[in-house]
């Protein structure tokens, strides 16, 4: 006999998922509506309006794809990249490699460069590579959770637009946690995920794209045969489920019956976006910056060291070197078991060398910052590490008191 689930309470300070807003969780228990119920259609329209707000865009197309953030990235890439299209991807962490794989699966002729994890690109270096490759698409990660670094985009976007190159951006770890301006930065398509700074459970990938992308979708559009028997296009998008040319019609007044919307998740997304608008983007970004400052101050006061170049540090993820002689997994285990606090391990060449601490969305709160610092310091001491005892919380509190 299976018992009813009882989920333990956690303080989640990972690079994703972040803690969900309590008001978001409450709305997920609301009754199910049919996907063509007038009330549900209004929820869809309001979600589009709010999605434009968080992306800071006037694009008509702004809606979620059902699936995790990866589904949104794949939807954009597979919908605009055709066999032999040239694609340039600058890699500075794990998720640049993901964009590379997705682009190759779409049939793209993919060119990459990679720099040391912990660094980001200078614009002139990107410009020179783009001139060399002359791609149809440049695809780049804005914030790399694997390294805690953030790539500057404004100059890149301007250059791509001037040279008629499409710029696709993964803003999964950054949107609403730091400044992001889709239109002002000349970004053609951008994707995020619900589970990070939006503080909505995993399961949707909000995205937006402009008329330059819409033109490609219109050229590749094919309605599935069960809906339009004579529809044919030898350039059709390879995925049906992630076919943006059809999904955008579901979100249009025509309401193409492409799939059944994820009802409760749409309630959650709409509420999460409403809460963001209620707080205001400027205030939300300032909150993330304050909590990051307090976290970093506490970590450094403890005697630990931040990984990577500070100039381009990602505000929503802080990577910390593991002290010599300490096993990083033992610290994480103790933090969960003794304090109910979760932080994250690293990937690839950084595995075992750093911890990754997220401060995203609803998780980016003063009480969470103080709790993660306390749990980390105590766990390190119990495992024999030498740290500056009692200094971390004092340094973090100093940051908060300066703000008053």
Protein backbone atom coordinates (compact mmCIF):
# COMPACT_ATOMS: atom_id res chain seq x y z
CA UNK A 1 0.00 0.00 0.00
CA UNK A 2 1.44 3.35 -1.00
CA UNK A 3 1.06 6.13 1.55
CA UNK A 4 0.08 9.69 0.80
CA UNK A 5 3.11 11.77 -0.16
CA UNK A 6 4.57 13.97 2.56
CA UNK A 7 7.17 16.25 1.02
CA UNK A 8 9.91 17.56 3.35
CA UNK A 9 10.32 21.31 3.68
CA UNK A 10 13.50 22.56 2.00
CA UNK A 11 15.31 25.85 1.55
CA UNK A 12 16.31 25.54 -2.10
CA UNK A 13 19.41 27.53 -3.02
CA UNK A 14 20.35 25.78 -6.25
CA UNK A 15 20.58 27.26 -9.77
CA UNK A 16 17.19 25.69 -10.42
CA UNK A 17 14.62 24.83 -9.51
CA UNK A 18 14.02 27.79 -7.23
CA UNK A 19 11.36 27.79 -4.55
CA UNK A 20 7.90 28.38 -6.00
CA UNK A 21 5.88 31.38 -4.90
CA UNK A 22 3.19 30.19 -2.42
CA UNK A 23 0.50 32.07 -4.37
CA UNK A 24 1.57 30.19 -7.51
CA UNK A 25 1.23 26.83 -5.76
CA UNK A 26 -2.22 27.76 -4.49
CA UNK A 27 -3.59 28.60 -7.93
CA UNK A 28 -2.45 25.22 -9.27
CA UNK A 29 -5.23 23.63 -7.22
CA UNK A 30 -7.92 25.58 -9.10
CA UNK A 31 -10.54 23.68 -11.16
CA UNK A 32 -9.66 22.55 -14.68
CA UNK A 33 -11.18 24.52 -17.54
CA UNK A 34 -11.60 23.32 -21.11
CA UNK A 35 -8.98 24.71 -23.48
CA UNK A 36 -11.59 26.66 -25.47
CA UNK A 37 -13.55 27.91 -22.47
CA UNK A 38 -13.81 31.73 -22.82
CA UNK A 39 -12.26 32.11 -19.35
CA UNK A 40 -9.30 29.96 -20.35
CA UNK A 41 -8.79 31.87 -23.59
CA UNK A 42 -8.68 35.08 -21.56
CA UNK A 43 -6.00 33.53 -19.33
CA UNK A 44 -3.99 32.74 -22.47
CA UNK A 45 -4.29 36.31 -23.75
CA UNK A 46 -3.30 37.78 -20.39
CA UNK A 47 -0.33 35.42 -20.21
CA UNK A 48 0.87 36.72 -23.57
CA UNK A 49 0.61 40.32 -22.35
CA UNK A 50 2.55 39.52 -19.17
CA UNK A 51 5.14 37.56 -21.15
CA UNK A 52 5.82 40.63 -23.27
CA UNK A 53 6.33 42.59 -20.06
CA UNK A 54 9.00 40.28 -18.60
CA UNK A 55 10.87 40.12 -21.90
CA UNK A 56 10.59 43.89 -22.36
CA UNK A 57 9.35 43.51 -25.92
CA UNK A 58 6.72 44.69 -28.35
CA UNK A 59 6.84 41.36 -30.22
CA UNK A 60 3.43 39.95 -31.00
CA UNK A 61 4.66 36.39 -30.48
CA UNK A 62 5.22 35.86 -26.74
CA UNK A 63 3.91 32.66 -25.18
CA UNK A 64 5.07 29.48 -23.38
CA UNK A 65 5.95 26.11 -24.84
CA UNK A 66 4.80 23.19 -22.71
CA UNK A 67 7.93 21.51 -21.38
CA UNK A 68 11.05 22.54 -19.51
CA UNK A 69 13.31 25.38 -20.63
CA UNK A 70 15.14 22.92 -22.87
CA UNK A 71 11.91 22.36 -24.83
CA UNK A 72 11.72 26.09 -25.51
CA UNK A 73 15.33 26.24 -26.70
CA UNK A 74 14.80 23.25 -28.96
CA UNK A 75 11.53 24.69 -30.29
CA UNK A 76 13.24 27.91 -31.38
CA UNK A 77 16.35 26.23 -32.78
CA UNK A 78 14.55 23.45 -34.66
CA UNK A 79 11.97 25.88 -36.04
CA UNK A 80 14.42 28.37 -37.55
CA UNK A 81 17.48 26.26 -38.41
CA UNK A 82 17.28 24.19 -41.59
CA UNK A 83 19.78 21.68 -42.99
CA UNK A 84 23.12 23.33 -43.88
CA UNK A 85 22.26 26.69 -42.28
CA UNK A 86 25.42 28.17 -40.79
CA UNK A 87 25.23 28.64 -37.02
CA UNK A 88 27.85 30.17 -34.71
CA UNK A 89 27.78 29.36 -30.99
CA UNK A 90 30.27 30.86 -28.52
CA UNK A 91 30.63 28.38 -25.63
CA UNK A 92 31.63 29.39 -22.10
CA UNK A 93 29.91 26.63 -20.10
CA UNK A 94 27.70 23.55 -20.27
CA UNK A 95 24.67 25.09 -21.93
CA UNK A 96 26.54 26.43 -24.93
CA UNK A 97 27.24 22.77 -25.65
CA UNK A 98 23.48 22.07 -25.39
CA UNK A 99 22.69 24.75 -27.99
CA UNK A 100 25.39 23.23 -30.18
CA UNK A 101 23.86 19.76 -29.99
CA UNK A 102 20.34 21.02 -30.66
CA UNK A 103 21.56 23.02 -33.66
CA UNK A 104 23.35 19.99 -35.10
CA UNK A 105 20.28 17.81 -34.58
CA UNK A 106 18.33 20.41 -36.58
CA UNK A 107 20.80 19.92 -39.43
CA UNK A 108 22.74 23.12 -38.96
CA UNK A 109 26.32 23.60 -40.12
CA UNK A 110 27.57 24.55 -36.66
CA UNK A 111 30.73 26.50 -35.83
CA UNK A 112 31.82 26.94 -32.23
CA UNK A 113 34.50 28.54 -30.13
CA UNK A 114 35.09 27.75 -26.48
CA UNK A 115 36.88 29.68 -23.77
CA UNK A 116 37.95 28.67 -20.29
CA UNK A 117 35.01 28.07 -17.96
CA UNK A 118 34.78 31.02 -15.61
CA UNK A 119 35.37 33.63 -18.31
CA UNK A 120 33.16 35.39 -20.89
CA UNK A 121 33.79 36.76 -24.36
CA UNK A 122 34.98 40.21 -25.36
CA UNK A 123 32.75 41.66 -28.08
CA UNK A 124 35.63 42.14 -30.54
CA UNK A 125 36.45 38.43 -30.32
CA UNK A 126 32.82 37.52 -31.06
CA UNK A 127 32.68 40.03 -33.90
CA UNK A 128 35.79 38.57 -35.54
CA UNK A 129 34.43 35.02 -35.34
CA UNK A 130 31.06 36.06 -36.77
CA UNK A 131 32.75 37.82 -39.69
CA UNK A 132 34.81 34.69 -40.31
CA UNK A 133 31.80 32.30 -40.23
CA UNK A 134 29.11 34.57 -41.76
CA UNK A 135 26.28 32.58 -40.12
CA UNK A 136 22.53 32.75 -40.52
CA UNK A 137 22.15 32.40 -36.73
CA UNK A 138 24.22 33.27 -33.66
CA UNK A 139 23.00 31.35 -30.59
CA UNK A 140 24.33 32.28 -27.17
CA UNK A 141 23.66 31.71 -23.48
CA UNK A 142 23.12 34.89 -21.47
CA UNK A 143 23.76 33.42 -18.01
CA UNK A 144 25.68 30.16 -17.58
CA UNK A 145 24.59 28.41 -14.39
CA UNK A 146 27.44 25.93 -14.82
CA UNK A 147 30.05 28.67 -14.27
CA UNK A 148 28.13 31.56 -12.71
CA UNK A 149 29.08 33.92 -15.55
CA UNK A 150 26.99 36.28 -17.70
CA UNK A 151 27.72 37.26 -21.30
CA UNK A 152 27.20 40.87 -22.39
CA UNK A 153 24.73 41.06 -25.29
CA UNK A 154 24.05 44.68 -26.25
CA UNK A 155 26.94 45.19 -28.70
CA UNK A 156 26.51 41.67 -30.06
CA UNK A 157 22.82 42.27 -30.79
CA UNK A 158 23.52 45.54 -32.57
CA UNK A 159 26.20 43.95 -34.74
CA UNK A 160 24.03 40.96 -35.65
CA UNK A 161 21.11 43.18 -36.62
CA UNK A 162 23.32 45.43 -38.77
CA UNK A 163 24.55 42.33 -40.60
CA UNK A 164 21.16 40.61 -40.97
CA UNK A 165 22.10 37.74 -38.65
CA UNK A 166 19.52 36.21 -36.33
CA UNK A 167 20.45 36.33 -32.63
CA UNK A 168 18.95 33.60 -30.42
CA UNK A 169 19.48 33.86 -26.66
CA UNK A 170 19.04 31.43 -23.77
CA UNK A 171 17.92 33.66 -20.87
CA UNK A 172 16.83 30.76 -18.67
CA UNK A 173 18.95 31.79 -15.67
CA UNK A 174 18.67 35.55 -15.99
CA UNK A 175 15.23 36.80 -16.99
CA UNK A 176 13.69 38.96 -14.21
CA UNK A 177 16.75 38.34 -12.02
CA UNK A 178 18.90 40.86 -13.86
CA UNK A 179 18.49 43.38 -16.66
CA UNK A 180 17.32 41.94 -19.97
CA UNK A 181 15.98 44.05 -22.86
CA UNK A 182 14.88 42.01 -25.85
CA UNK A 183 14.03 44.88 -28.18
CA UNK A 184 16.68 47.37 -27.09
CA UNK A 185 19.39 44.72 -27.47
CA UNK A 186 18.16 43.63 -30.93
CA UNK A 187 17.52 40.03 -29.92
CA UNK A 188 15.45 38.07 -32.44
CA UNK A 189 14.39 35.15 -30.24
CA UNK A 190 14.81 34.50 -26.54
CA UNK A 191 13.80 31.67 -24.25
CA UNK A 192 13.48 31.29 -20.49
CA UNK A 193 12.12 28.68 -18.06
CA UNK A 194 9.54 28.81 -15.31
CA UNK A 195 11.63 27.09 -12.65
CA UNK A 196 14.28 29.73 -12.05
CA UNK A 197 13.75 33.48 -11.54
CA UNK A 198 10.04 33.24 -12.37
CA UNK A 199 9.49 31.01 -9.28
CA UNK A 200 6.95 28.78 -10.98
CA UNK A 201 7.33 24.97 -10.95
CA UNK A 202 9.21 23.34 -13.81
CA UNK A 203 7.09 22.64 -16.87
CA UNK A 204 6.88 25.63 -19.19
CA UNK A 205 9.29 27.61 -21.34
CA UNK A 206 8.14 31.18 -22.06
CA UNK A 207 9.67 32.60 -25.22
CA UNK A 208 9.34 35.46 -27.65
CA UNK A 209 10.47 36.18 -31.20
CA UNK A 210 10.11 38.97 -33.72
CA UNK A 211 8.88 39.32 -37.30
CA UNK A 212 12.26 38.27 -38.71
CA UNK A 213 11.74 34.86 -37.12
CA UNK A 214 8.04 34.80 -37.99
CA UNK A 215 8.98 35.13 -41.68
CA UNK A 216 11.01 31.90 -41.50
CA UNK A 217 8.19 30.12 -39.68
CA UNK A 218 5.66 31.18 -42.32
CA UNK A 219 7.92 29.77 -45.03
CA UNK A 220 8.24 26.43 -43.20
CA UNK A 221 4.64 26.15 -41.97
CA UNK A 222 2.79 22.88 -42.43
CA UNK A 223 -0.45 22.06 -40.64
CA UNK A 224 -0.66 18.42 -39.58
CA UNK A 225 -2.64 16.20 -41.93
CA UNK A 226 -5.42 15.43 -39.45
CA UNK A 227 -6.36 19.10 -39.52
CA UNK A 228 -5.53 20.06 -43.10
CA UNK A 229 -5.24 17.09 -45.41
CA UNK A 230 -3.66 18.92 -48.35
CA UNK A 231 -1.02 20.78 -46.34
CA UNK A 232 2.50 20.14 -47.71
CA UNK A 233 5.88 21.80 -47.26
CA UNK A 234 9.20 20.20 -48.11
CA UNK A 235 10.85 22.64 -45.64
CA UNK A 236 8.57 21.62 -42.76
CA UNK A 237 9.91 21.79 -39.22
CA UNK A 238 11.15 18.36 -38.12
CA UNK A 239 9.31 18.31 -34.77
CA UNK A 240 5.53 18.40 -34.61
CA UNK A 241 5.27 19.00 -30.87
CA UNK A 242 7.83 21.84 -30.93
CA UNK A 243 6.72 23.34 -34.24
CA UNK A 244 6.44 27.06 -33.50
CA UNK A 245 4.66 27.75 -36.80
CA UNK A 246 1.73 25.69 -35.47
CA UNK A 247 2.04 26.56 -31.77
CA UNK A 248 1.82 30.28 -32.52
CA UNK A 249 -1.49 29.60 -34.31
CA UNK A 250 -2.80 27.95 -31.14
CA UNK A 251 -2.01 31.21 -29.32
CA UNK A 252 -3.60 33.31 -32.07
CA UNK A 253 -7.30 34.15 -32.62
CA UNK A 254 -7.54 31.12 -34.95
CA UNK A 255 -6.83 28.80 -31.95
CA UNK A 256 -5.40 25.99 -34.06
CA UNK A 257 -5.97 22.70 -32.24
CA UNK A 258 -2.30 21.79 -32.01
CA UNK A 259 -2.25 20.24 -28.53
CA UNK A 260 -4.09 20.36 -25.21
CA UNK A 261 -2.64 23.14 -23.10
CA UNK A 262 -1.11 22.30 -19.73
CA UNK A 263 -3.98 23.87 -17.81
CA UNK A 264 -2.74 24.05 -14.22
CA UNK A 265 0.75 25.07 -15.34
CA UNK A 266 -0.74 27.94 -17.34
CA UNK A 267 -2.58 29.10 -14.22
CA UNK A 268 0.74 28.96 -12.40
CA UNK A 269 2.63 30.86 -15.07
CA UNK A 270 0.01 33.58 -15.33
CA UNK A 271 0.06 34.04 -11.54
CA UNK A 272 3.86 34.01 -11.40
CA UNK A 273 4.06 36.68 -14.10
CA UNK A 274 1.37 38.74 -12.37
CA UNK A 275 3.43 38.68 -9.16
CA UNK A 276 6.50 39.84 -11.08
CA UNK A 277 4.56 42.77 -12.53
CA UNK A 278 3.16 43.53 -9.08
CA UNK A 279 6.70 43.75 -7.66
CA UNK A 280 8.00 45.57 -10.75
CA UNK A 281 11.00 44.52 -12.81
CA UNK A 282 13.25 47.28 -11.46
CA UNK A 283 12.51 46.38 -7.84
CA UNK A 284 12.85 42.66 -8.54
CA UNK A 285 16.24 43.10 -10.17
CA UNK A 286 17.39 45.29 -7.27
CA UNK A 287 16.28 42.60 -4.79
CA UNK A 288 18.33 39.97 -6.60
CA UNK A 289 21.37 42.27 -6.64
CA UNK A 290 21.10 43.02 -2.91
CA UNK A 291 20.81 39.36 -1.93
CA UNK A 292 23.71 38.43 -4.20
CA UNK A 293 25.85 41.14 -2.58
CA UNK A 294 25.02 39.84 0.90
CA UNK A 295 25.72 36.24 -0.12
CA UNK A 296 29.10 37.07 -1.65
CA UNK A 297 30.06 39.22 1.34
CA UNK A 298 29.23 36.35 3.69
CA UNK A 299 31.13 33.75 1.67
CA UNK A 300 34.25 35.89 1.45
CA UNK A 301 34.08 36.83 5.14
CA UNK A 302 34.02 33.11 5.90
CA UNK A 303 37.38 32.86 4.11
CA UNK A 304 36.09 31.09 1.00
CA UNK A 305 36.75 32.18 -2.57
CA UNK A 306 34.38 32.96 -5.44
CA UNK A 307 35.05 31.13 -8.72
CA UNK A 308 35.47 33.02 -12.00
CA UNK A 309 35.91 36.60 -13.16
CA UNK A 310 34.00 38.98 -10.91
CA UNK A 311 33.42 41.48 -13.73
CA UNK A 312 30.87 39.27 -15.49
CA UNK A 313 29.48 37.39 -12.51
CA UNK A 314 25.94 36.08 -12.90
CA UNK A 315 23.81 37.80 -10.20
CA UNK A 316 21.56 34.78 -9.70
CA UNK A 317 24.25 32.09 -9.27
CA UNK A 318 27.36 32.23 -7.08
CA UNK A 319 30.07 29.61 -7.59
CA UNK A 320 32.32 28.89 -4.62
CA UNK A 321 35.61 27.00 -4.51
CA UNK A 322 35.57 23.92 -2.28
CA UNK A 323 38.33 24.27 0.38
CA UNK A 324 41.28 21.93 0.04
CA UNK A 325 40.78 18.61 1.79
CA UNK A 326 36.97 18.90 1.83
CA UNK A 327 34.68 16.58 -0.14
CA UNK A 328 32.01 18.80 -1.67
CA UNK A 329 29.30 16.10 -1.68
CA UNK A 330 29.68 15.50 2.06
CA UNK A 331 29.00 19.16 2.75
CA UNK A 332 25.91 19.18 0.55
CA UNK A 333 24.62 16.04 2.24
CA UNK A 334 25.11 17.50 5.72
CA UNK A 335 23.42 20.77 4.73
CA UNK A 336 20.31 18.91 3.55
CA UNK A 337 20.18 16.44 6.44
CA UNK A 338 20.92 18.90 9.27
CA UNK A 339 19.47 22.15 7.93
CA UNK A 340 17.13 21.26 5.07
CA UNK A 341 19.21 23.54 2.81
CA UNK A 342 20.12 22.46 -0.72
CA UNK A 343 22.95 23.83 -2.86
CA UNK A 344 24.28 22.32 -6.09
CA UNK A 345 27.33 20.45 -7.33
CA UNK A 346 29.17 21.33 -10.55
CA UNK A 347 29.49 19.84 -14.04
CA UNK A 348 32.34 18.55 -16.18
CA UNK A 349 35.83 19.81 -15.40
CA UNK A 350 34.51 21.74 -12.39
CA UNK A 351 32.93 18.70 -10.74
CA UNK A 352 34.09 18.37 -7.14
CA UNK A 353 35.87 21.75 -7.30
CA UNK A 354 33.06 24.23 -6.75
CA UNK A 355 29.59 24.56 -5.26
CA UNK A 356 26.90 26.49 -7.09
CA UNK A 357 24.55 28.54 -4.92
CA UNK A 358 21.43 29.96 -6.55
CA UNK A 359 19.56 33.03 -5.34
CA UNK A 360 16.69 33.15 -7.79
CA UNK A 361 13.13 34.42 -7.67
CA UNK A 362 11.33 33.54 -4.43
CA UNK A 363 14.52 31.86 -3.15
CA UNK A 364 16.25 35.24 -3.29
CA UNK A 365 15.21 36.38 0.19
CA UNK A 366 17.16 37.69 3.17
CA UNK A 367 16.17 34.75 5.39
CA UNK A 368 17.37 32.27 2.77
CA UNK A 369 20.72 34.03 2.36
CA UNK A 370 21.33 33.98 6.09
CA UNK A 371 20.24 30.36 6.35
CA UNK A 372 22.48 29.10 3.53
CA UNK A 373 25.49 30.94 4.99
CA UNK A 374 24.82 29.51 8.44
CA UNK A 375 24.34 25.97 7.11
CA UNK A 376 27.45 26.14 4.93
CA UNK A 377 29.69 27.50 7.69
CA UNK A 378 28.50 24.99 10.28
CA UNK A 379 28.77 22.05 7.88
CA UNK A 380 32.31 23.05 6.93
CA UNK A 381 33.37 23.32 10.55
CA UNK A 382 31.83 19.92 11.39
CA UNK A 383 33.80 18.42 8.50
CA UNK A 384 37.11 19.85 9.67
CA UNK A 385 37.46 22.92 7.47
CA UNK A 386 39.14 26.02 8.85
CA UNK A 387 36.91 29.06 8.30
CA UNK A 388 36.45 32.45 9.94
CA UNK A 389 33.81 31.53 12.49
CA UNK A 390 30.89 33.88 12.94
CA UNK A 391 32.04 36.34 10.31
CA UNK A 392 29.76 35.31 7.42
CA UNK A 393 26.44 36.29 8.96
CA UNK A 394 27.86 39.54 10.29
CA UNK A 395 29.13 40.51 6.84
CA UNK A 396 25.78 39.68 5.22
CA UNK A 397 23.88 41.62 7.87
CA UNK A 398 26.16 44.59 7.28
CA UNK A 399 25.06 44.60 3.63
CA UNK A 400 21.39 44.54 4.58
CA UNK A 401 21.80 47.26 7.20
CA UNK A 402 23.62 49.52 4.71
CA UNK A 403 20.54 49.29 2.48
CA UNK A 404 18.13 50.49 5.18
